[in-house]
């Protein structure tokens, strides 16, 4: 099993998601739950295509964190 960092962003009317370690692997959904399901499918398809094309599976390198600041 491989775990990739996914970035979720709230838009005006929906949610977007992208995977920094898989260029072009993006998805949208009406809700956070929907985009989470959609991006999982997008990652699986992305990796399947890489395998079919004989290309290497990228290692997950992106880390995430939060920083607290005083305002």
PDB file of N, CA and C in Angstrom:
ATOM      1  N   UNK A   1       0.842  -1.177   0.000  1.00  0.00           N
ATOM      2  CA  UNK A   1       0.000   0.000   0.000  1.00  0.00           C
ATOM      3  C   UNK A   1       0.888   1.241   0.000  1.00  0.00           C
ATOM      4  N   UNK A   2       0.496   2.218  -0.782  1.00  0.00           N
ATOM      5  CA  UNK A   2       1.207   3.496  -0.863  1.00  0.00           C
ATOM      6  C   UNK A   2       0.240   4.592  -0.416  1.00  0.00           C
ATOM      7  N   UNK A   3       0.726   5.537   0.372  1.00  0.00           N
ATOM      8  CA  UNK A   3      -0.081   6.679   0.783  1.00  0.00           C
ATOM      9  C   UNK A   3       0.518   7.958   0.213  1.00  0.00           C
ATOM     10  N   UNK A   4      -0.302   8.694  -0.534  1.00  0.00           N
ATOM     11  CA  UNK A   4       0.106   9.962  -1.116  1.00  0.00           C
ATOM     12  C   UNK A   4      -0.561  11.111  -0.373  1.00  0.00           C
ATOM     13  N   UNK A   5       0.145  12.226  -0.292  1.00  0.00           N
ATOM     14  CA  UNK A   5      -0.444  13.445   0.255  1.00  0.00           C
ATOM     15  C   UNK A   5      -1.429  13.999  -0.760  1.00  0.00           C
ATOM     16  N   UNK A   6      -2.612  14.352  -0.277  1.00  0.00           N
ATOM     17  CA  UNK A   6      -3.643  14.962  -1.107  1.00  0.00           C
ATOM     18  C   UNK A   6      -3.973  16.322  -0.511  1.00  0.00           C
ATOM     19  N   UNK A   7      -4.052  17.333  -1.371  1.00  0.00           N
ATOM     20  CA  UNK A   7      -4.424  18.673  -0.949  1.00  0.00           C
ATOM     21  C   UNK A   7      -5.879  18.904  -1.344  1.00  0.00           C
ATOM     22  N   UNK A   8      -6.688  19.271  -0.355  1.00  0.00           N
ATOM     23  CA  UNK A   8      -8.105  19.564  -0.597  1.00  0.00           C
ATOM     24  C   UNK A   8      -8.311  21.069  -0.481  1.00  0.00           C
ATOM     25  N   UNK A   9      -9.050  21.623  -1.444  1.00  0.00           N
ATOM     26  CA  UNK A   9      -9.320  23.058  -1.437  1.00  0.00           C
ATOM     27  C   UNK A   9     -10.809  23.304  -1.638  1.00  0.00           C
ATOM     28  N   UNK A  10     -11.352  24.167  -0.811  1.00  0.00           N
ATOM     29  CA  UNK A  10     -12.755  24.529  -0.917  1.00  0.00           C
ATOM     30  C   UNK A  10     -12.892  25.646  -1.934  1.00  0.00           C
ATOM     31  N   UNK A  11     -13.730  25.433  -2.940  1.00  0.00           N
ATOM     32  CA  UNK A  11     -14.022  26.469  -3.917  1.00  0.00           C
ATOM     33  C   UNK A  11     -15.315  27.177  -3.551  1.00  0.00           C
ATOM     34  N   UNK A  12     -15.803  28.002  -4.454  1.00  0.00           N
ATOM     35  CA  UNK A  12     -17.046  28.730  -4.184  1.00  0.00           C
ATOM     36  C   UNK A  12     -18.243  27.787  -4.112  1.00  0.00           C
ATOM     37  N   UNK A  13     -18.243  26.764  -4.959  1.00  0.00           N
ATOM     38  CA  UNK A  13     -19.416  25.886  -5.011  1.00  0.00           C
ATOM     39  C   UNK A  13     -19.082  24.410  -4.890  1.00  0.00           C
ATOM     40  N   UNK A  14     -17.801  24.071  -4.811  1.00  0.00           N
ATOM     41  CA  UNK A  14     -17.432  22.649  -4.738  1.00  0.00           C
ATOM     42  C   UNK A  14     -16.058  22.505  -4.077  1.00  0.00           C
ATOM     43  N   UNK A  15     -15.563  21.287  -4.073  1.00  0.00           N
ATOM     44  CA  UNK A  15     -14.239  20.971  -3.526  1.00  0.00           C
ATOM     45  C   UNK A  15     -13.324  20.482  -4.635  1.00  0.00           C
ATOM     46  N   UNK A  16     -12.046  20.817  -4.532  1.00  0.00           N
ATOM     47  CA  UNK A  16     -11.041  20.319  -5.450  1.00  0.00           C
ATOM     48  C   UNK A  16      -9.985  19.557  -4.678  1.00  0.00           C
ATOM     49  N   UNK A  17      -9.297  18.667  -5.372  1.00  0.00           N
ATOM     50  CA  UNK A  17      -8.218  17.903  -4.748  1.00  0.00           C
ATOM     51  C   UNK A  17      -7.137  17.652  -5.782  1.00  0.00           C
ATOM     52  N   UNK A  18      -5.882  17.641  -5.307  1.00  0.00           N
ATOM     53  CA  UNK A  18      -4.776  17.275  -6.187  1.00  0.00           C
ATOM     54  C   UNK A  18      -3.703  16.567  -5.386  1.00  0.00           C
ATOM     55  N   UNK A  19      -2.871  15.820  -6.118  1.00  0.00           N
ATOM     56  CA  UNK A  19      -1.821  15.013  -5.509  1.00  0.00           C
ATOM     57  C   UNK A  19      -0.479  15.565  -6.008  1.00  0.00           C
ATOM     58  N   UNK A  20       0.255  16.278  -5.158  1.00  0.00           N
ATOM     59  CA  UNK A  20       1.504  16.900  -5.602  1.00  0.00           C
ATOM     60  C   UNK A  20       2.522  15.929  -6.205  1.00  0.00           C
ATOM     61  N   UNK A  21       2.557  14.696  -5.736  1.00  0.00           N
ATOM     62  CA  UNK A  21       3.534  13.727  -6.238  1.00  0.00           C
ATOM     63  C   UNK A  21       3.096  13.036  -7.527  1.00  0.00           C
ATOM     64  N   UNK A  22       1.862  13.312  -7.972  1.00  0.00           N
ATOM     65  CA  UNK A  22       1.349  12.723  -9.216  1.00  0.00           C
ATOM     66  C   UNK A  22       0.841  13.858 -10.100  1.00  0.00           C
ATOM     67  N   UNK A  23       1.734  14.489 -10.863  1.00  0.00           N
ATOM     68  CA  UNK A  23       1.349  15.657 -11.664  1.00  0.00           C
ATOM     69  C   UNK A  23       0.137  15.377 -12.552  1.00  0.00           C
ATOM     70  N   UNK A  24      -0.844  16.263 -12.461  1.00  0.00           N
ATOM     71  CA  UNK A  24      -2.046  16.133 -13.273  1.00  0.00           C
ATOM     72  C   UNK A  24      -3.128  15.281 -12.638  1.00  0.00           C
ATOM     73  N   UNK A  25      -2.852  14.697 -11.493  1.00  0.00           N
ATOM     74  CA  UNK A  25      -3.854  13.866 -10.806  1.00  0.00           C
ATOM     75  C   UNK A  25      -4.707  14.789  -9.949  1.00  0.00           C
ATOM     76  N   UNK A  26      -5.887  15.123 -10.461  1.00  0.00           N
ATOM     77  CA  UNK A  26      -6.787  16.071  -9.808  1.00  0.00           C
ATOM     78  C   UNK A  26      -8.209  15.548  -9.858  1.00  0.00           C
ATOM     79  N   UNK A  27      -9.064  16.120  -9.024  1.00  0.00           N
ATOM     80  CA  UNK A  27     -10.471  15.760  -9.048  1.00  0.00           C
ATOM     81  C   UNK A  27     -11.279  16.856  -8.375  1.00  0.00           C
ATOM     82  N   UNK A  28     -12.593  16.824  -8.595  1.00  0.00           N
ATOM     83  CA  UNK A  28     -13.508  17.744  -7.932  1.00  0.00           C
ATOM     84  C   UNK A  28     -14.708  16.967  -7.411  1.00  0.00           C
ATOM     85  N   UNK A  29     -15.447  17.591  -6.519  1.00  0.00           N
ATOM     86  CA  UNK A  29     -16.666  16.999  -5.989  1.00  0.00           C
ATOM     87  C   UNK A  29     -17.516  18.069  -5.334  1.00  0.00           C
ATOM     88  N   UNK A  30     -18.798  17.800  -5.213  1.00  0.00           N
ATOM     89  CA  UNK A  30     -19.705  18.762  -4.595  1.00  0.00           C
ATOM     90  C   UNK A  30     -19.471  18.888  -3.086  1.00  0.00           C
ATOM     91  N   UNK A  31     -18.986  17.824  -2.471  1.00  0.00           N
ATOM     92  CA  UNK A  31     -18.723  17.822  -1.031  1.00  0.00           C
ATOM     93  C   UNK A  31     -17.312  17.299  -0.787  1.00  0.00           C
ATOM     94  N   UNK A  32     -16.828  17.506   0.433  1.00  0.00           N
ATOM     95  CA  UNK A  32     -15.509  16.979   0.779  1.00  0.00           C
ATOM     96  C   UNK A  32     -15.509  15.459   0.669  1.00  0.00           C
ATOM     97  N   UNK A  33     -16.547  14.815   1.153  1.00  0.00           N
ATOM     98  CA  UNK A  33     -16.624  13.353   1.075  1.00  0.00           C
ATOM     99  C   UNK A  33     -16.597  12.868  -0.369  1.00  0.00           C
ATOM    100  N   UNK A  34     -17.284  13.577  -1.240  1.00  0.00           N
ATOM    101  CA  UNK A  34     -17.313  13.179  -2.648  1.00  0.00           C
ATOM    102  C   UNK A  34     -15.949  13.341  -3.302  1.00  0.00           C
ATOM    103  N   UNK A  35     -15.269  14.452  -3.044  1.00  0.00           N
ATOM    104  CA  UNK A  35     -13.960  14.649  -3.660  1.00  0.00           C
ATOM    105  C   UNK A  35     -12.945  13.666  -3.093  1.00  0.00           C
ATOM    106  N   UNK A  36     -13.094  13.277  -1.831  1.00  0.00           N
ATOM    107  CA  UNK A  36     -12.191  12.275  -1.262  1.00  0.00           C
ATOM    108  C   UNK A  36     -12.348  10.939  -1.984  1.00  0.00           C
ATOM    109  N   UNK A  37     -13.558  10.561  -2.265  1.00  0.00           N
ATOM    110  CA  UNK A  37     -13.810   9.329  -3.013  1.00  0.00           C
ATOM    111  C   UNK A  37     -13.286   9.454  -4.443  1.00  0.00           C
ATOM    112  N   UNK A  38     -13.546  10.595  -5.057  1.00  0.00           N
ATOM    113  CA  UNK A  38     -13.132  10.809  -6.447  1.00  0.00           C
ATOM    114  C   UNK A  38     -11.614  10.810  -6.604  1.00  0.00           C
ATOM    115  N   UNK A  39     -10.891  11.439  -5.672  1.00  0.00           N
ATOM    116  CA  UNK A  39      -9.434  11.499  -5.818  1.00  0.00           C
ATOM    117  C   UNK A  39      -8.816  10.133  -5.593  1.00  0.00           C
ATOM    118  N   UNK A  40      -9.415   9.323  -4.726  1.00  0.00           N
ATOM    119  CA  UNK A  40      -8.919   7.958  -4.531  1.00  0.00           C
ATOM    120  C   UNK A  40      -9.014   7.182  -5.849  1.00  0.00           C
ATOM    121  N   UNK A  41     -10.149   7.302  -6.523  1.00  0.00           N
ATOM    122  CA  UNK A  41     -10.320   6.646  -7.822  1.00  0.00           C
ATOM    123  C   UNK A  41      -9.335   7.203  -8.843  1.00  0.00           C
ATOM    124  N   UNK A  42      -9.121   8.527  -8.814  1.00  0.00           N
ATOM    125  CA  UNK A  42      -8.193   9.154  -9.758  1.00  0.00           C
ATOM    126  C   UNK A  42      -6.767   8.646  -9.542  1.00  0.00           C
ATOM    127  N   UNK A  43      -6.365   8.493  -8.284  1.00  0.00           N
ATOM    128  CA  UNK A  43      -5.027   7.978  -7.977  1.00  0.00           C
ATOM    129  C   UNK A  43      -4.894   6.545  -8.485  1.00  0.00           C
ATOM    130  N   UNK A  44      -5.892   5.732  -8.225  1.00  0.00           N
ATOM    131  CA  UNK A  44      -5.844   4.336  -8.661  1.00  0.00           C
ATOM    132  C   UNK A  44      -5.732   4.245 -10.181  1.00  0.00           C
ATOM    133  N   UNK A  45      -6.507   5.042 -10.899  1.00  0.00           N
ATOM    134  CA  UNK A  45      -6.439   5.036 -12.366  1.00  0.00           C
ATOM    135  C   UNK A  45      -5.095   5.563 -12.867  1.00  0.00           C
ATOM    136  N   UNK A  46      -4.590   6.607 -12.245  1.00  0.00           N
ATOM    137  CA  UNK A  46      -3.302   7.192 -12.600  1.00  0.00           C
ATOM    138  C   UNK A  46      -2.204   6.140 -12.501  1.00  0.00           C
ATOM    139  N   UNK A  47      -2.182   5.429 -11.373  1.00  0.00           N
ATOM    140  CA  UNK A  47      -1.153   4.407 -11.161  1.00  0.00           C
ATOM    141  C   UNK A  47      -1.338   3.223 -12.105  1.00  0.00           C
ATOM    142  N   UNK A  48      -2.572   2.874 -12.400  1.00  0.00           N
ATOM    143  CA  UNK A  48      -2.851   1.783 -13.340  1.00  0.00           C
ATOM    144  C   UNK A  48      -2.300   2.106 -14.724  1.00  0.00           C
ATOM    145  N   UNK A  49      -2.492   3.334 -15.160  1.00  0.00           N
ATOM    146  CA  UNK A  49      -1.988   3.744 -16.475  1.00  0.00           C
ATOM    147  C   UNK A  49      -0.460   3.717 -16.492  1.00  0.00           C
ATOM    148  N   UNK A  50       0.159   4.186 -15.421  1.00  0.00           N
ATOM    149  CA  UNK A  50       1.620   4.128 -15.357  1.00  0.00           C
ATOM    150  C   UNK A  50       2.107   2.685 -15.490  1.00  0.00           C
ATOM    151  N   UNK A  51       1.470   1.767 -14.761  1.00  0.00           N
ATOM    152  CA  UNK A  51       1.851   0.353 -14.831  1.00  0.00           C
ATOM    153  C   UNK A  51       1.687  -0.189 -16.242  1.00  0.00           C
ATOM    154  N   UNK A  52       0.544   0.113 -16.877  1.00  0.00           N
ATOM    155  CA  UNK A  52       0.280  -0.359 -18.235  1.00  0.00           C
ATOM    156  C   UNK A  52       1.319   0.164 -19.219  1.00  0.00           C
ATOM    157  N   UNK A  53       1.782   1.395 -18.995  1.00  0.00           N
ATOM    158  CA  UNK A  53       2.773   2.012 -19.878  1.00  0.00           C
ATOM    159  C   UNK A  53       4.202   1.617 -19.514  1.00  0.00           C
ATOM    160  N   UNK A  54       4.365   0.791 -18.481  1.00  0.00           N
ATOM    161  CA  UNK A  54       5.687   0.353 -18.069  1.00  0.00           C
ATOM    162  C   UNK A  54       6.509   1.430 -17.387  1.00  0.00           C
ATOM    163  N   UNK A  55       5.842   2.444 -16.864  1.00  0.00           N
ATOM    164  CA  UNK A  55       6.544   3.539 -16.196  1.00  0.00           C
ATOM    165  C   UNK A  55       6.615   3.273 -14.696  1.00  0.00           C
ATOM    166  N   UNK A  56       7.599   3.841 -14.021  1.00  0.00           N
ATOM    167  CA  UNK A  56       7.735   3.614 -12.574  1.00  0.00           C
ATOM    168  C   UNK A  56       6.640   4.338 -11.785  1.00  0.00           C
ATOM    169  N   UNK A  57       6.299   3.761 -10.656  1.00  0.00           N
ATOM    170  CA  UNK A  57       5.342   4.380  -9.746  1.00  0.00           C
ATOM    171  C   UNK A  57       6.107   5.384  -8.881  1.00  0.00           C
ATOM    172  N   UNK A  58       5.706   6.666  -8.904  1.00  0.00           N
ATOM    173  CA  UNK A  58       6.415   7.671  -8.105  1.00  0.00           C
ATOM    174  C   UNK A  58       6.295   7.396  -6.609  1.00  0.00           C
ATOM    175  N   UNK A  59       7.403   7.607  -5.923  1.00  0.00           N
ATOM    176  CA  UNK A  59       7.385   7.480  -4.468  1.00  0.00           C
ATOM    177  C   UNK A  59       6.725   8.726  -3.881  1.00  0.00           C
ATOM    178  N   UNK A  60       5.958   8.558  -2.820  1.00  0.00           N
ATOM    179  CA  UNK A  60       5.391   9.736  -2.166  1.00  0.00           C
ATOM    180  C   UNK A  60       6.480  10.513  -1.433  1.00  0.00           C
ATOM    181  N   UNK A  61       6.706  11.743  -1.833  1.00  0.00           N
ATOM    182  CA  UNK A  61       7.759  12.563  -1.242  1.00  0.00           C
ATOM    183  C   UNK A  61       7.220  13.788  -0.512  1.00  0.00           C
ATOM    184  N   UNK A  62       6.022  14.213  -0.877  1.00  0.00           N
ATOM    185  CA  UNK A  62       5.456  15.437  -0.304  1.00  0.00           C
ATOM    186  C   UNK A  62       4.991  15.186   1.117  1.00  0.00           C
ATOM    187  N   UNK A  63       5.344  16.096   1.992  1.00  0.00           N
ATOM    188  CA  UNK A  63       4.898  16.074   3.395  1.00  0.00           C
ATOM    189  C   UNK A  63       3.947  17.246   3.610  1.00  0.00           C
ATOM    190  N   UNK A  64       3.141  17.153   4.635  1.00  0.00           N
ATOM    191  CA  UNK A  64       2.242  18.247   4.921  1.00  0.00           C
ATOM    192  C   UNK A  64       2.321  18.598   6.403  1.00  0.00           C
ATOM    193  N   UNK A  65       1.883  19.793   6.698  1.00  0.00           N
ATOM    194  CA  UNK A  65       1.871  20.245   8.079  1.00  0.00           C
ATOM    195  C   UNK A  65       1.084  21.539   8.169  1.00  0.00           C
ATOM    196  N   UNK A  66       0.881  21.951   9.369  1.00  0.00           N
ATOM    197  CA  UNK A  66       0.198  23.213   9.602  1.00  0.00           C
ATOM    198  C   UNK A  66       1.081  24.073  10.489  1.00  0.00           C
ATOM    199  N   UNK A  67       0.983  25.367  10.307  1.00  0.00           N
ATOM    200  CA  UNK A  67       1.778  26.304  11.081  1.00  0.00           C
ATOM    201  C   UNK A  67       0.816  27.286  11.757  1.00  0.00           C
ATOM    202  N   UNK A  68       0.923  27.421  13.051  1.00  0.00           N
ATOM    203  CA  UNK A  68       0.098  28.379  13.791  1.00  0.00           C
ATOM    204  C   UNK A  68       0.817  29.720  13.875  1.00  0.00           C
ATOM    205  N   UNK A  69       0.096  30.790  13.619  1.00  0.00           N
ATOM    206  CA  UNK A  69       0.647  32.140  13.729  1.00  0.00           C
ATOM    207  C   UNK A  69      -0.291  32.997  14.549  1.00  0.00           C
ATOM    208  N   UNK A  70       0.246  33.951  15.236  1.00  0.00           N
ATOM    209  CA  UNK A  70      -0.568  34.905  15.998  1.00  0.00           C
ATOM    210  C   UNK A  70      -0.977  36.056  15.108  1.00  0.00           C
ATOM    211  N   UNK A  71      -2.267  36.381  15.141  1.00  0.00           N
ATOM    212  CA  UNK A  71      -2.730  37.532  14.353  1.00  0.00           C
ATOM    213  C   UNK A  71      -3.493  38.473  15.243  1.00  0.00           C
TER     214      UNK A  71
END
